[in-house]
């Protein structure tokens, strides 16, 4: 049986960690859809291109760029949030995501995709839908510590402000706004550790299949 898992939620809520763990546990292919938008943003940054070139960059996105370390840079993330609000960019990357789920690479029997609109737009028929969230403060602290561990200068207040700005763009955009699918299990990770979140997700999967 093909298993498709859609995981949505804001930045630093823990959806990526959960998605990778579930993919490994069920031997599924994994796609961080945010990497597509980050790849588009990185293309603009490296080419010193304006945001008006974002659609062309998305259409020509190279797969090898999706593993570039600079995708995780703060500047890339900020621009990715902006280009992700462009309807034509989302349209350009929609087929990529659906094709990944329909034809998982590596001979896998299914796929786990995480992002902002997987369960609502990209894969509305996914067998399992999860929405992973947490308080603004908890997410900002996680990102702040992550930046510190990387040796990057960071100010908590600024990290929190950037996160709230990104959330506002993601939830207010006219095309594919970030929101839980009606049939998604919502997990608030503010006071949970990774193992607790994983067990809740696995319980949901067991019930669905």
N, C-alpha and C. Protein backbone atom coordinates (compact mmCIF):
# COMPACT_ATOMS: atom_id res chain seq x y z
N UNK A 1 0.84 -1.20 0.00
CA UNK A 1 0.00 0.00 0.00
C UNK A 1 0.87 1.25 0.00
N UNK A 2 0.53 2.19 -0.86
CA UNK A 2 1.26 3.44 -0.92
C UNK A 2 0.86 4.33 0.26
N UNK A 3 1.85 4.85 0.95
CA UNK A 3 1.61 5.72 2.09
C UNK A 3 2.16 7.10 1.81
N UNK A 4 1.28 8.09 1.84
CA UNK A 4 1.70 9.48 1.64
C UNK A 4 1.37 10.26 2.90
N UNK A 5 2.38 10.93 3.45
CA UNK A 5 2.21 11.69 4.68
C UNK A 5 2.49 13.16 4.39
N UNK A 6 1.51 14.01 4.70
CA UNK A 6 1.64 15.45 4.50
C UNK A 6 1.82 16.11 5.86
N UNK A 7 2.90 16.85 6.01
CA UNK A 7 3.18 17.53 7.29
C UNK A 7 3.35 19.02 7.04
N UNK A 8 2.52 19.81 7.70
CA UNK A 8 2.58 21.27 7.54
C UNK A 8 2.83 21.94 8.88
N UNK A 9 3.17 23.22 8.80
CA UNK A 9 3.36 24.00 10.02
C UNK A 9 4.39 25.09 9.83
N UNK A 10 4.49 25.99 10.78
CA UNK A 10 5.43 27.11 10.69
C UNK A 10 6.86 26.68 10.96
N UNK A 11 7.79 27.60 10.74
CA UNK A 11 9.21 27.33 10.94
C UNK A 11 9.51 27.01 12.40
N UNK A 12 10.47 26.09 12.59
CA UNK A 12 10.99 25.73 13.92
C UNK A 12 9.96 25.10 14.84
N UNK A 13 8.89 24.56 14.27
CA UNK A 13 7.90 23.85 15.09
C UNK A 13 8.30 22.40 15.30
N UNK A 14 9.20 21.91 14.42
CA UNK A 14 9.66 20.54 14.53
C UNK A 14 9.18 19.62 13.43
N UNK A 15 8.58 20.18 12.39
CA UNK A 15 8.02 19.32 11.35
C UNK A 15 9.09 18.63 10.52
N UNK A 16 10.23 19.28 10.29
CA UNK A 16 11.29 18.66 9.51
C UNK A 16 11.90 17.47 10.23
N UNK A 17 12.16 17.65 11.51
CA UNK A 17 12.71 16.56 12.33
C UNK A 17 11.75 15.37 12.32
N UNK A 18 10.47 15.64 12.51
CA UNK A 18 9.46 14.58 12.51
C UNK A 18 9.36 13.93 11.14
N UNK A 19 9.35 14.72 10.08
CA UNK A 19 9.20 14.18 8.73
C UNK A 19 10.34 13.23 8.38
N UNK A 20 11.56 13.62 8.69
CA UNK A 20 12.71 12.76 8.39
C UNK A 20 12.65 11.46 9.19
N UNK A 21 12.23 11.56 10.44
CA UNK A 21 12.15 10.38 11.29
C UNK A 21 11.07 9.41 10.80
N UNK A 22 9.93 9.95 10.40
CA UNK A 22 8.85 9.10 9.89
C UNK A 22 9.24 8.46 8.56
N UNK A 23 9.93 9.22 7.72
CA UNK A 23 10.36 8.69 6.43
C UNK A 23 11.31 7.50 6.64
N UNK A 24 12.22 7.64 7.60
CA UNK A 24 13.16 6.55 7.89
C UNK A 24 12.44 5.34 8.48
N UNK A 25 11.50 5.59 9.37
CA UNK A 25 10.80 4.50 10.04
C UNK A 25 9.94 3.68 9.09
N UNK A 26 9.35 4.35 8.10
CA UNK A 26 8.44 3.67 7.17
C UNK A 26 9.07 3.44 5.80
N UNK A 27 10.37 3.73 5.68
CA UNK A 27 11.11 3.55 4.43
C UNK A 27 10.44 4.31 3.27
N UNK A 28 10.19 5.59 3.52
CA UNK A 28 9.55 6.45 2.53
C UNK A 28 10.53 7.51 2.02
N UNK A 29 10.26 8.03 0.84
CA UNK A 29 11.05 9.13 0.32
C UNK A 29 10.66 10.40 1.07
N UNK A 30 11.59 11.34 1.19
CA UNK A 30 11.32 12.57 1.93
C UNK A 30 11.63 13.80 1.11
N UNK A 31 10.71 14.76 1.14
CA UNK A 31 10.93 16.04 0.47
C UNK A 31 10.56 17.18 1.40
N UNK A 32 11.52 18.04 1.65
CA UNK A 32 11.29 19.29 2.36
C UNK A 32 10.91 20.31 1.30
N UNK A 33 9.61 20.59 1.17
CA UNK A 33 9.17 21.48 0.09
C UNK A 33 9.74 22.88 0.26
N UNK A 34 10.08 23.24 1.50
CA UNK A 34 10.68 24.54 1.71
C UNK A 34 12.00 24.71 0.99
N UNK A 35 12.69 23.57 0.74
CA UNK A 35 13.97 23.64 0.04
C UNK A 35 13.78 24.13 -1.40
N UNK A 36 12.60 23.88 -1.96
CA UNK A 36 12.33 24.34 -3.33
C UNK A 36 12.27 25.87 -3.36
N UNK A 37 11.61 26.45 -2.36
CA UNK A 37 11.51 27.91 -2.30
C UNK A 37 12.85 28.52 -1.88
N UNK A 38 13.56 27.83 -0.99
CA UNK A 38 14.88 28.31 -0.61
C UNK A 38 15.84 28.23 -1.80
N UNK A 39 15.71 27.16 -2.59
CA UNK A 39 16.55 27.04 -3.79
C UNK A 39 16.28 28.14 -4.78
N UNK A 40 15.01 28.49 -4.92
CA UNK A 40 14.64 29.60 -5.80
C UNK A 40 15.23 30.90 -5.27
N UNK A 41 15.12 31.11 -3.96
CA UNK A 41 15.67 32.32 -3.36
C UNK A 41 17.18 32.39 -3.50
N UNK A 42 17.84 31.26 -3.30
CA UNK A 42 19.30 31.22 -3.39
C UNK A 42 19.76 31.53 -4.82
N UNK A 43 18.99 31.07 -5.78
CA UNK A 43 19.30 31.37 -7.18
C UNK A 43 19.26 32.88 -7.41
N UNK A 44 18.27 33.54 -6.82
CA UNK A 44 18.16 35.00 -6.97
C UNK A 44 19.34 35.70 -6.27
N UNK A 45 19.66 35.25 -5.07
CA UNK A 45 20.73 35.88 -4.31
C UNK A 45 22.08 35.74 -5.01
N UNK A 46 22.37 34.55 -5.50
CA UNK A 46 23.66 34.32 -6.14
C UNK A 46 23.77 35.02 -7.50
N UNK A 47 22.63 35.19 -8.14
CA UNK A 47 22.66 35.87 -9.43
C UNK A 47 22.42 37.36 -9.31
N UNK A 48 22.25 37.83 -8.05
CA UNK A 48 21.94 39.24 -7.80
C UNK A 48 20.72 39.66 -8.63
N UNK A 49 19.70 38.81 -8.59
CA UNK A 49 18.50 39.02 -9.39
C UNK A 49 17.38 39.60 -8.54
N UNK A 50 16.47 40.31 -9.17
CA UNK A 50 15.34 40.90 -8.48
C UNK A 50 14.27 39.84 -8.23
N UNK A 51 13.35 40.13 -7.30
CA UNK A 51 12.28 39.18 -7.01
C UNK A 51 11.39 38.94 -8.22
N UNK A 52 11.39 39.85 -9.17
CA UNK A 52 10.59 39.69 -10.39
C UNK A 52 11.10 38.51 -11.24
N UNK A 53 12.32 38.04 -10.95
CA UNK A 53 12.89 36.91 -11.69
C UNK A 53 12.61 35.58 -10.99
N UNK A 54 11.83 35.62 -9.93
CA UNK A 54 11.61 34.43 -9.12
C UNK A 54 10.91 33.31 -9.88
N UNK A 55 9.95 33.63 -10.71
CA UNK A 55 9.22 32.60 -11.45
C UNK A 55 10.16 31.85 -12.39
N UNK A 56 10.98 32.58 -13.11
CA UNK A 56 11.95 31.96 -14.01
C UNK A 56 12.93 31.09 -13.24
N UNK A 57 13.35 31.58 -12.06
CA UNK A 57 14.28 30.81 -11.23
C UNK A 57 13.63 29.51 -10.75
N UNK A 58 12.35 29.58 -10.40
CA UNK A 58 11.64 28.38 -9.95
C UNK A 58 11.49 27.37 -11.08
N UNK A 59 11.21 27.85 -12.25
CA UNK A 59 11.02 26.97 -13.41
C UNK A 59 12.31 26.26 -13.81
N UNK A 60 13.45 26.88 -13.52
CA UNK A 60 14.75 26.32 -13.90
C UNK A 60 15.52 25.77 -12.71
N UNK A 61 14.83 25.56 -11.60
CA UNK A 61 15.48 25.11 -10.38
C UNK A 61 16.22 23.79 -10.61
N UNK A 62 17.49 23.75 -10.22
CA UNK A 62 18.31 22.55 -10.39
C UNK A 62 18.23 21.67 -9.14
N UNK A 63 17.96 20.38 -9.29
CA UNK A 63 17.82 19.46 -8.14
C UNK A 63 19.03 19.48 -7.22
N UNK A 64 20.23 19.59 -7.78
CA UNK A 64 21.43 19.56 -6.94
C UNK A 64 21.52 20.75 -5.99
N UNK A 65 20.78 21.81 -6.29
CA UNK A 65 20.79 22.98 -5.43
C UNK A 65 20.07 22.73 -4.11
N UNK A 66 19.22 21.71 -4.07
CA UNK A 66 18.40 21.45 -2.90
C UNK A 66 19.19 20.91 -1.71
N UNK A 67 20.46 20.56 -1.93
CA UNK A 67 21.29 20.09 -0.83
C UNK A 67 22.41 21.09 -0.50
N UNK A 68 22.35 22.27 -1.09
CA UNK A 68 23.37 23.29 -0.85
C UNK A 68 23.28 23.80 0.59
N UNK A 69 24.39 23.83 1.32
CA UNK A 69 24.38 24.30 2.71
C UNK A 69 23.81 25.71 2.89
N UNK A 70 23.96 26.55 1.87
CA UNK A 70 23.49 27.93 2.00
C UNK A 70 21.97 28.05 2.00
N UNK A 71 21.28 26.94 1.73
CA UNK A 71 19.82 26.97 1.79
C UNK A 71 19.34 27.33 3.20
N UNK A 72 20.14 26.95 4.21
CA UNK A 72 19.73 27.15 5.60
C UNK A 72 20.13 28.51 6.14
N UNK A 73 20.79 29.33 5.34
CA UNK A 73 21.20 30.66 5.79
C UNK A 73 19.98 31.53 6.04
N UNK A 74 20.08 32.44 7.01
CA UNK A 74 18.95 33.29 7.36
C UNK A 74 18.52 34.17 6.19
N UNK A 75 19.47 34.68 5.44
CA UNK A 75 19.14 35.55 4.29
C UNK A 75 18.33 34.77 3.26
N UNK A 76 18.72 33.52 3.04
CA UNK A 76 17.99 32.68 2.09
C UNK A 76 16.57 32.43 2.59
N UNK A 77 16.44 32.16 3.88
CA UNK A 77 15.12 31.90 4.45
C UNK A 77 14.19 33.09 4.36
N UNK A 78 14.73 34.28 4.62
CA UNK A 78 13.90 35.49 4.55
C UNK A 78 13.39 35.73 3.14
N UNK A 79 14.27 35.56 2.16
CA UNK A 79 13.85 35.78 0.77
C UNK A 79 12.91 34.66 0.31
N UNK A 80 13.16 33.44 0.79
CA UNK A 80 12.30 32.31 0.41
C UNK A 80 10.86 32.56 0.84
N UNK A 81 10.68 33.14 2.03
CA UNK A 81 9.34 33.45 2.52
C UNK A 81 8.64 34.45 1.61
N UNK A 82 9.42 35.37 1.04
CA UNK A 82 8.84 36.38 0.15
C UNK A 82 8.47 35.79 -1.21
N UNK A 83 9.38 35.00 -1.79
CA UNK A 83 9.08 34.45 -3.12
C UNK A 83 7.99 33.39 -3.03
N UNK A 84 7.85 32.74 -1.86
CA UNK A 84 6.82 31.73 -1.69
C UNK A 84 5.42 32.34 -1.71
N UNK A 85 5.34 33.65 -1.51
CA UNK A 85 4.04 34.33 -1.53
C UNK A 85 3.63 34.71 -2.95
N UNK A 86 4.49 34.46 -3.93
CA UNK A 86 4.18 34.78 -5.32
C UNK A 86 3.42 33.62 -5.94
N UNK A 87 2.15 33.81 -6.32
CA UNK A 87 1.34 32.70 -6.84
C UNK A 87 2.00 31.93 -7.99
N UNK A 88 2.63 32.65 -8.91
CA UNK A 88 3.24 31.98 -10.07
C UNK A 88 4.42 31.10 -9.67
N UNK A 89 5.11 31.47 -8.62
CA UNK A 89 6.20 30.64 -8.12
C UNK A 89 5.64 29.35 -7.54
N UNK A 90 4.59 29.46 -6.75
CA UNK A 90 3.98 28.28 -6.16
C UNK A 90 3.44 27.35 -7.26
N UNK A 91 2.87 27.95 -8.29
CA UNK A 91 2.35 27.15 -9.40
C UNK A 91 3.48 26.42 -10.11
N UNK A 92 4.62 27.10 -10.27
CA UNK A 92 5.75 26.51 -10.97
C UNK A 92 6.32 25.31 -10.22
N UNK A 93 6.20 25.30 -8.89
CA UNK A 93 6.77 24.22 -8.08
C UNK A 93 5.75 23.17 -7.65
N UNK A 94 4.49 23.40 -7.97
CA UNK A 94 3.43 22.48 -7.55
C UNK A 94 3.59 21.10 -8.19
N UNK A 95 3.81 21.05 -9.49
CA UNK A 95 3.94 19.77 -10.18
C UNK A 95 5.16 18.99 -9.68
N UNK A 96 6.23 19.71 -9.36
CA UNK A 96 7.45 19.06 -8.84
C UNK A 96 7.08 18.25 -7.59
N UNK A 97 6.35 18.88 -6.68
CA UNK A 97 6.00 18.23 -5.42
C UNK A 97 5.04 17.06 -5.64
N UNK A 98 4.05 17.25 -6.48
CA UNK A 98 3.09 16.18 -6.73
C UNK A 98 3.73 15.00 -7.44
N UNK A 99 4.65 15.29 -8.35
CA UNK A 99 5.33 14.22 -9.06
C UNK A 99 6.22 13.42 -8.10
N UNK A 100 6.83 14.11 -7.15
CA UNK A 100 7.67 13.45 -6.15
C UNK A 100 6.83 12.46 -5.35
N UNK A 101 5.64 12.88 -4.94
CA UNK A 101 4.76 12.02 -4.15
C UNK A 101 4.19 10.86 -4.98
N UNK A 102 3.91 11.14 -6.24
CA UNK A 102 3.32 10.12 -7.11
C UNK A 102 4.36 9.10 -7.55
N UNK A 103 5.59 9.57 -7.75
CA UNK A 103 6.67 8.69 -8.20
C UNK A 103 7.87 8.85 -7.26
N UNK A 104 7.78 8.33 -6.04
CA UNK A 104 8.86 8.51 -5.05
C UNK A 104 10.18 7.96 -5.59
N UNK A 105 11.25 8.72 -5.44
CA UNK A 105 12.56 8.25 -5.92
C UNK A 105 13.09 7.11 -5.07
N UNK A 106 14.07 6.39 -5.61
CA UNK A 106 14.71 5.32 -4.86
C UNK A 106 13.87 4.07 -4.71
N UNK A 107 12.81 3.97 -5.52
CA UNK A 107 11.97 2.78 -5.43
C UNK A 107 11.15 2.69 -4.16
N UNK A 108 10.97 3.81 -3.48
CA UNK A 108 10.20 3.82 -2.24
C UNK A 108 8.71 3.61 -2.53
N UNK A 109 8.00 3.10 -1.53
CA UNK A 109 6.57 2.81 -1.71
C UNK A 109 5.67 3.99 -1.36
N UNK A 110 6.26 5.08 -0.93
CA UNK A 110 5.47 6.26 -0.57
C UNK A 110 6.38 7.42 -0.24
N UNK A 111 5.80 8.49 0.28
CA UNK A 111 6.60 9.68 0.52
C UNK A 111 6.07 10.50 1.69
N UNK A 112 6.98 11.24 2.30
CA UNK A 112 6.64 12.21 3.33
C UNK A 112 7.05 13.58 2.79
N UNK A 113 6.11 14.50 2.75
CA UNK A 113 6.41 15.87 2.31
C UNK A 113 6.07 16.82 3.44
N UNK A 114 6.95 17.77 3.71
CA UNK A 114 6.60 18.78 4.70
C UNK A 114 6.69 20.17 4.09
N UNK A 115 5.87 21.07 4.62
CA UNK A 115 5.84 22.43 4.09
C UNK A 115 4.79 23.28 4.77
N UNK A 116 4.13 24.12 3.98
CA UNK A 116 3.11 25.02 4.51
C UNK A 116 1.73 24.70 3.95
N UNK A 117 1.67 24.06 2.77
CA UNK A 117 0.38 23.82 2.12
C UNK A 117 0.28 22.41 1.54
N UNK A 118 1.02 21.47 2.12
CA UNK A 118 1.02 20.11 1.58
C UNK A 118 -0.35 19.45 1.72
N UNK A 119 -0.90 19.49 2.92
CA UNK A 119 -2.18 18.83 3.15
C UNK A 119 -3.38 19.54 2.57
N UNK A 120 -3.25 20.85 2.34
CA UNK A 120 -4.38 21.63 1.82
C UNK A 120 -4.38 21.79 0.31
N UNK A 121 -3.19 21.88 -0.30
CA UNK A 121 -3.11 22.18 -1.73
C UNK A 121 -2.33 21.13 -2.52
N UNK A 122 -1.11 20.83 -2.07
CA UNK A 122 -0.25 19.93 -2.84
C UNK A 122 -0.80 18.51 -2.86
N UNK A 123 -1.12 17.98 -1.68
CA UNK A 123 -1.60 16.59 -1.57
C UNK A 123 -2.86 16.53 -0.71
N UNK A 124 -3.96 17.09 -1.19
CA UNK A 124 -5.19 17.10 -0.39
C UNK A 124 -5.75 15.71 -0.12
N UNK A 125 -5.30 14.70 -0.90
CA UNK A 125 -5.78 13.34 -0.71
C UNK A 125 -4.79 12.47 0.06
N UNK A 126 -3.80 13.09 0.68
CA UNK A 126 -2.80 12.33 1.45
C UNK A 126 -3.48 11.48 2.51
N UNK A 127 -2.97 10.27 2.72
CA UNK A 127 -3.56 9.35 3.69
C UNK A 127 -3.45 9.90 5.10
N UNK A 128 -2.31 10.51 5.42
CA UNK A 128 -2.06 11.04 6.76
C UNK A 128 -1.69 12.52 6.65
N UNK A 129 -2.35 13.34 7.45
CA UNK A 129 -2.06 14.78 7.46
C UNK A 129 -1.79 15.23 8.89
N UNK A 130 -0.68 15.91 9.07
CA UNK A 130 -0.29 16.42 10.38
C UNK A 130 0.01 17.91 10.26
N UNK A 131 -0.37 18.66 11.28
CA UNK A 131 -0.02 20.08 11.34
C UNK A 131 0.76 20.29 12.63
N UNK A 132 2.04 20.61 12.49
CA UNK A 132 2.93 20.75 13.64
C UNK A 132 3.14 22.22 13.94
N UNK A 133 2.82 22.62 15.17
CA UNK A 133 2.93 24.03 15.53
C UNK A 133 3.56 24.17 16.91
N UNK A 134 3.78 25.40 17.33
CA UNK A 134 4.32 25.70 18.66
C UNK A 134 4.18 27.20 18.86
N UNK A 135 4.34 27.66 20.09
CA UNK A 135 4.22 29.09 20.35
C UNK A 135 5.34 29.85 19.64
N UNK A 136 5.09 31.13 19.36
CA UNK A 136 6.10 31.97 18.72
C UNK A 136 7.40 31.95 19.53
N UNK A 137 7.25 32.08 20.85
CA UNK A 137 8.42 32.17 21.73
C UNK A 137 9.24 30.88 21.72
N UNK A 138 8.55 29.74 21.74
CA UNK A 138 9.25 28.46 21.74
C UNK A 138 10.00 28.26 20.43
N UNK A 139 9.37 28.61 19.34
CA UNK A 139 10.01 28.44 18.04
C UNK A 139 11.19 29.39 17.86
N UNK A 140 11.02 30.62 18.31
CA UNK A 140 12.10 31.60 18.20
C UNK A 140 13.31 31.17 19.04
N UNK A 141 13.07 30.63 20.23
CA UNK A 141 14.17 30.17 21.07
C UNK A 141 14.91 29.01 20.42
N UNK A 142 14.17 28.11 19.79
CA UNK A 142 14.81 26.98 19.10
C UNK A 142 15.70 27.49 17.98
N UNK A 143 15.19 28.41 17.19
CA UNK A 143 15.97 28.95 16.07
C UNK A 143 17.16 29.74 16.59
N UNK A 144 16.97 30.50 17.67
CA UNK A 144 18.04 31.29 18.27
C UNK A 144 19.19 30.36 18.71
N UNK A 145 18.85 29.26 19.39
CA UNK A 145 19.87 28.32 19.85
C UNK A 145 20.56 27.64 18.67
N UNK A 146 19.79 27.35 17.63
CA UNK A 146 20.35 26.72 16.44
C UNK A 146 21.40 27.63 15.80
N UNK A 147 21.09 28.92 15.71
CA UNK A 147 22.03 29.87 15.13
C UNK A 147 23.28 30.00 16.00
N UNK A 148 23.09 30.02 17.30
CA UNK A 148 24.23 30.11 18.21
C UNK A 148 25.15 28.90 18.07
N UNK A 149 24.56 27.72 17.94
CA UNK A 149 25.34 26.50 17.79
C UNK A 149 26.15 26.50 16.50
N UNK A 150 25.65 27.21 15.50
CA UNK A 150 26.36 27.32 14.23
C UNK A 150 27.43 28.41 14.27
N UNK A 151 27.47 29.13 15.39
CA UNK A 151 28.46 30.19 15.52
C UNK A 151 28.04 31.49 14.86
N UNK A 152 26.74 31.60 14.53
CA UNK A 152 26.23 32.80 13.89
C UNK A 152 25.73 33.79 14.95
N UNK A 153 26.02 35.06 14.72
CA UNK A 153 25.53 36.09 15.64
C UNK A 153 24.01 36.17 15.55
N UNK A 154 23.35 36.18 16.69
CA UNK A 154 21.89 36.22 16.70
C UNK A 154 21.38 36.94 17.94
N UNK A 155 20.31 37.68 17.76
CA UNK A 155 19.64 38.37 18.86
C UNK A 155 18.23 37.79 18.94
N UNK A 156 17.86 37.27 20.11
CA UNK A 156 16.57 36.59 20.26
C UNK A 156 15.41 37.46 19.78
N UNK A 157 15.39 38.73 20.17
CA UNK A 157 14.28 39.61 19.81
C UNK A 157 14.15 39.73 18.30
N UNK A 158 15.28 39.78 17.61
CA UNK A 158 15.26 39.90 16.16
C UNK A 158 14.79 38.60 15.51
N UNK A 159 15.23 37.48 16.07
CA UNK A 159 14.79 36.17 15.56
C UNK A 159 13.27 36.04 15.71
N UNK A 160 12.75 36.46 16.86
CA UNK A 160 11.31 36.40 17.11
C UNK A 160 10.56 37.30 16.13
N UNK A 161 11.08 38.49 15.90
CA UNK A 161 10.43 39.42 14.98
C UNK A 161 10.41 38.87 13.56
N UNK A 162 11.55 38.32 13.11
CA UNK A 162 11.62 37.74 11.76
C UNK A 162 10.64 36.59 11.62
N UNK A 163 10.53 35.78 12.66
CA UNK A 163 9.64 34.62 12.61
C UNK A 163 8.18 35.06 12.49
N UNK A 164 7.82 36.07 13.26
CA UNK A 164 6.44 36.56 13.19
C UNK A 164 6.14 37.20 11.83
N UNK A 165 7.13 37.84 11.24
CA UNK A 165 6.93 38.43 9.92
C UNK A 165 6.71 37.34 8.88
N UNK A 166 7.50 36.27 8.97
CA UNK A 166 7.34 35.15 8.04
C UNK A 166 5.98 34.48 8.23
N UNK A 167 5.59 34.28 9.47
CA UNK A 167 4.29 33.67 9.74
C UNK A 167 3.16 34.50 9.14
N UNK A 168 3.28 35.82 9.27
CA UNK A 168 2.25 36.72 8.74
C UNK A 168 2.16 36.58 7.23
N UNK A 169 3.30 36.51 6.56
CA UNK A 169 3.29 36.35 5.10
C UNK A 169 2.69 35.00 4.72
N UNK A 170 3.07 33.94 5.45
CA UNK A 170 2.61 32.60 5.11
C UNK A 170 1.10 32.42 5.32
N UNK A 171 0.56 33.06 6.35
CA UNK A 171 -0.86 32.88 6.65
C UNK A 171 -1.75 33.86 5.91
N UNK A 172 -1.20 35.00 5.47
CA UNK A 172 -2.02 36.04 4.85
C UNK A 172 -1.98 36.02 3.33
N UNK A 173 -1.07 35.24 2.74
CA UNK A 173 -0.99 35.26 1.27
C UNK A 173 -2.29 34.74 0.66
N UNK A 174 -2.61 35.24 -0.49
CA UNK A 174 -3.88 34.88 -1.14
C UNK A 174 -3.84 33.47 -1.72
N UNK A 175 -2.67 33.02 -2.12
CA UNK A 175 -2.53 31.69 -2.71
C UNK A 175 -1.94 30.72 -1.69
N UNK A 176 -2.63 29.63 -1.44
CA UNK A 176 -2.16 28.57 -0.55
C UNK A 176 -1.65 29.07 0.79
N UNK A 177 -2.49 29.78 1.54
CA UNK A 177 -2.04 30.25 2.87
C UNK A 177 -1.78 29.06 3.80
N UNK A 178 -0.90 29.27 4.75
CA UNK A 178 -0.60 28.21 5.71
C UNK A 178 -1.76 28.05 6.69
N UNK A 179 -2.31 26.88 6.76
CA UNK A 179 -3.39 26.56 7.70
C UNK A 179 -3.52 25.05 7.77
N UNK A 180 -4.05 24.53 8.85
CA UNK A 180 -4.22 23.07 8.95
C UNK A 180 -5.31 22.59 8.00
N UNK A 181 -5.10 21.44 7.42
CA UNK A 181 -6.16 20.81 6.64
C UNK A 181 -7.26 20.42 7.61
N UNK A 182 -8.49 20.36 7.13
CA UNK A 182 -9.62 20.06 8.01
C UNK A 182 -9.48 18.70 8.69
N UNK A 183 -8.82 17.77 8.01
CA UNK A 183 -8.69 16.42 8.57
C UNK A 183 -7.28 16.15 9.10
N UNK A 184 -6.54 17.21 9.41
CA UNK A 184 -5.19 17.05 9.93
C UNK A 184 -5.19 16.92 11.45
N UNK A 185 -4.26 16.14 11.97
CA UNK A 185 -4.03 16.09 13.41
C UNK A 185 -3.10 17.25 13.76
N UNK A 186 -3.54 18.12 14.66
CA UNK A 186 -2.73 19.26 15.06
C UNK A 186 -1.94 18.89 16.32
N UNK A 187 -0.63 19.05 16.25
CA UNK A 187 0.25 18.73 17.38
C UNK A 187 1.01 20.00 17.78
N UNK A 188 0.79 20.47 18.99
CA UNK A 188 1.51 21.62 19.52
C UNK A 188 2.74 21.10 20.26
N UNK A 189 3.92 21.44 19.74
CA UNK A 189 5.16 20.90 20.28
C UNK A 189 5.82 21.80 21.33
N UNK A 190 5.15 22.87 21.73
CA UNK A 190 5.75 23.84 22.66
C UNK A 190 6.34 23.18 23.90
N UNK A 191 5.60 22.22 24.46
CA UNK A 191 6.04 21.59 25.70
C UNK A 191 6.35 20.11 25.51
N UNK A 192 6.56 19.69 24.26
CA UNK A 192 6.84 18.28 23.97
C UNK A 192 8.25 18.10 23.44
N UNK A 193 8.85 16.95 23.71
CA UNK A 193 10.15 16.67 23.10
C UNK A 193 9.92 15.88 21.82
N UNK A 194 10.99 15.64 21.07
CA UNK A 194 10.88 15.01 19.76
C UNK A 194 10.27 13.61 19.85
N UNK A 195 10.61 12.87 20.90
CA UNK A 195 10.07 11.51 21.04
C UNK A 195 8.57 11.52 21.28
N UNK A 196 8.10 12.47 22.08
CA UNK A 196 6.66 12.56 22.35
C UNK A 196 5.89 12.91 21.07
N UNK A 197 6.43 13.84 20.29
CA UNK A 197 5.79 14.22 19.03
C UNK A 197 5.76 13.02 18.08
N UNK A 198 6.86 12.31 18.02
CA UNK A 198 6.97 11.14 17.15
C UNK A 198 5.92 10.09 17.51
N UNK A 199 5.74 9.83 18.79
CA UNK A 199 4.76 8.82 19.22
C UNK A 199 3.34 9.24 18.85
N UNK A 200 3.02 10.53 19.00
CA UNK A 200 1.69 11.01 18.62
C UNK A 200 1.46 10.83 17.13
N UNK A 201 2.49 11.14 16.35
CA UNK A 201 2.38 10.99 14.89
C UNK A 201 2.22 9.54 14.50
N UNK A 202 2.98 8.66 15.13
CA UNK A 202 2.88 7.24 14.81
C UNK A 202 1.51 6.67 15.20
N UNK A 203 0.95 7.13 16.28
CA UNK A 203 -0.39 6.72 16.67
C UNK A 203 -1.40 7.12 15.61
N UNK A 204 -1.24 8.33 15.09
CA UNK A 204 -2.14 8.82 14.04
C UNK A 204 -2.02 7.97 12.79
N UNK A 205 -0.78 7.65 12.40
CA UNK A 205 -0.55 6.84 11.21
C UNK A 205 -1.17 5.47 11.39
N UNK A 206 -1.01 4.89 12.55
CA UNK A 206 -1.56 3.56 12.82
C UNK A 206 -3.08 3.55 12.68
N UNK A 207 -3.71 4.62 13.13
CA UNK A 207 -5.17 4.72 13.03
C UNK A 207 -5.62 4.88 11.58
N UNK A 208 -4.82 5.62 10.78
CA UNK A 208 -5.21 5.88 9.39
C UNK A 208 -5.02 4.69 8.49
N UNK A 209 -4.04 3.86 8.82
CA UNK A 209 -3.75 2.73 7.91
C UNK A 209 -4.13 1.38 8.51
